[in-house]
Amino acid sequence: MKLPNRENARVSEQKITAYLLSMTHPTGRDKAAFFWKFGFAPENWQLLRDALLQHADIHEVAASEDTLFGMW
C-alpha cells in the first residue's frame, strides 16, 4: 500500500530546519546526525523535503498503527 493521501503531504521548512536537521534540538539532533551523514543540511533543506516526498511516492508503507490521533 502506498501512503494514503500522498498528494496532500507537506513537509515544512520549519520542521526540517528546526527539528530534522537541527544538531541542537533535544530530540531531533540524532535524526540530524543521520541526515547530515547523507549530505543534507539546513541551508538546502529543500533537498531533504524532496527526498522524503519522493520516498513516499516510490515505496510502500511498511507498517501502520491506529492511535488516538489517527492512523500513523
C-alpha atoms as a PDB file:
ATOM      1  CA  MET A   1       0.000   0.000   0.000  1.00  0.00           C
ATOM      2  CA  LYS A   2       1.273   3.469  -0.899  1.00  0.00           C
ATOM      3  CA  LEU A   3       0.994   6.366   1.533  1.00  0.00           C
ATOM      4  CA  PRO A   4      -2.699   7.323   1.607  1.00  0.00           C
ATOM      5  CA  ASN A   5      -3.436  10.898   0.509  1.00  0.00           C
ATOM      6  CA  ARG A   6       0.196  11.414  -0.531  1.00  0.00           C
ATOM      7  CA  GLU A   7      -0.873  14.322  -2.739  1.00  0.00           C
ATOM      8  CA  ASN A   8      -1.758  16.239   0.446  1.00  0.00           C
ATOM      9  CA  ALA A   9       1.586  15.603   2.160  1.00  0.00           C
ATOM     10  CA  ARG A  10       3.543  18.695   3.177  1.00  0.00           C
ATOM     11  CA  VAL A  11       6.929  18.928   4.873  1.00  0.00           C
ATOM     12  CA  SER A  12       7.533  22.433   6.182  1.00  0.00           C
ATOM     13  CA  GLU A  13      10.830  24.306   6.206  1.00  0.00           C
ATOM     14  CA  GLN A  14      10.440  24.798   9.967  1.00  0.00           C
ATOM     15  CA  LYS A  15      10.008  21.059  10.599  1.00  0.00           C
ATOM     16  CA  ILE A  16      13.152  20.270   8.629  1.00  0.00           C
ATOM     17  CA  THR A  17      15.456  23.089   9.730  1.00  0.00           C
ATOM     18  CA  ALA A  18      14.399  23.352  13.383  1.00  0.00           C
ATOM     19  CA  TYR A  19      13.942  19.617  14.013  1.00  0.00           C
ATOM     20  CA  LEU A  20      15.156  17.092  11.424  1.00  0.00           C
ATOM     21  CA  LEU A  21      18.402  18.942  10.628  1.00  0.00           C
ATOM     22  CA  SER A  22      18.983  20.699  13.955  1.00  0.00           C
ATOM     23  CA  MET A  23      22.091  19.456  15.751  1.00  0.00           C
ATOM     24  CA  THR A  24      20.894  21.292  18.893  1.00  0.00           C
ATOM     25  CA  HIS A  25      17.274  20.096  19.110  1.00  0.00           C
ATOM     26  CA  PRO A  26      16.884  17.828  22.189  1.00  0.00           C
ATOM     27  CA  THR A  27      15.105  15.029  20.315  1.00  0.00           C
ATOM     28  CA  GLY A  28      15.899  15.951  16.718  1.00  0.00           C
ATOM     29  CA  ARG A  29      19.697  16.018  16.943  1.00  0.00           C
ATOM     30  CA  ASP A  30      20.030  12.246  16.491  1.00  0.00           C
ATOM     31  CA  LYS A  31      17.925  12.445  13.342  1.00  0.00           C
ATOM     32  CA  ALA A  32      20.022  15.402  12.188  1.00  0.00           C
ATOM     33  CA  ALA A  33      23.244  13.433  12.653  1.00  0.00           C
ATOM     34  CA  PHE A  34      21.783  10.674  10.457  1.00  0.00           C
ATOM     35  CA  PHE A  35      20.634  13.037   7.693  1.00  0.00           C
ATOM     36  CA  TRP A  36      23.873  15.076   7.761  1.00  0.00           C
ATOM     37  CA  LYS A  37      25.806  11.854   7.004  1.00  0.00           C
ATOM     38  CA  PHE A  38      23.961  11.751   3.681  1.00  0.00           C
ATOM     39  CA  GLY A  39      24.761  15.369   2.809  1.00  0.00           C
ATOM     40  CA  PHE A  40      21.525  17.025   3.907  1.00  0.00           C
ATOM     41  CA  ALA A  41      21.997  20.399   5.637  1.00  0.00           C
ATOM     42  CA  PRO A  42      19.775  23.299   6.756  1.00  0.00           C
ATOM     43  CA  GLU A  43      20.987  25.659   4.006  1.00  0.00           C
ATOM     44  CA  ASN A  44      19.476  23.380   1.352  1.00  0.00           C
ATOM     45  CA  TRP A  45      16.598  21.943   3.350  1.00  0.00           C
ATOM     46  CA  GLN A  46      14.536  21.582   0.153  1.00  0.00           C
ATOM     47  CA  LEU A  47      16.671  18.594  -0.836  1.00  0.00           C
ATOM     48  CA  LEU A  48      15.535  16.668   2.245  1.00  0.00           C
ATOM     49  CA  ARG A  49      11.913  17.715   1.709  1.00  0.00           C
ATOM     50  CA  ASP A  50      12.033  16.480  -1.869  1.00  0.00           C
ATOM     51  CA  ALA A  51      13.757  13.228  -0.870  1.00  0.00           C
ATOM     52  CA  LEU A  52      11.119  12.496   1.780  1.00  0.00           C
ATOM     53  CA  LEU A  53       8.259  13.148  -0.634  1.00  0.00           C
ATOM     54  CA  GLN A  54       9.938  11.082  -3.355  1.00  0.00           C
ATOM     55  CA  HIS A  55      10.396   8.238  -0.872  1.00  0.00           C
ATOM     56  CA  ALA A  56       6.650   8.298  -0.210  1.00  0.00           C
ATOM     57  CA  ASP A  57       5.964   8.202  -3.958  1.00  0.00           C
ATOM     58  CA  ILE A  58       8.211   5.211  -4.626  1.00  0.00           C
ATOM     59  CA  HIS A  59       7.965   2.945  -1.594  1.00  0.00           C
ATOM     60  CA  GLU A  60       5.182   1.036   0.087  1.00  0.00           C
ATOM     61  CA  VAL A  61       4.074   1.740   3.659  1.00  0.00           C
ATOM     62  CA  ALA A  62       5.976  -0.714   5.883  1.00  0.00           C
ATOM     63  CA  ALA A  63       3.681  -0.536   8.931  1.00  0.00           C
ATOM     64  CA  SER A  64       0.829   1.495  10.343  1.00  0.00           C
ATOM     65  CA  GLU A  65      -0.783   1.951  13.726  1.00  0.00           C
ATOM     66  CA  ASP A  66      -4.185   3.294  14.721  1.00  0.00           C
ATOM     67  CA  THR A  67      -3.801   5.817  17.576  1.00  0.00           C
ATOM     68  CA  LEU A  68      -5.948   8.392  19.341  1.00  0.00           C
ATOM     69  CA  PHE A  69      -4.576  10.926  16.845  1.00  0.00           C
ATOM     70  CA  GLY A  70      -5.389   8.860  13.762  1.00  0.00           C
ATOM     71  CA  MET A  71      -3.538   6.362  11.615  1.00  0.00           C
ATOM     72  CA  TRP A  72       0.276   6.565  11.855  1.00  0.00           C
END
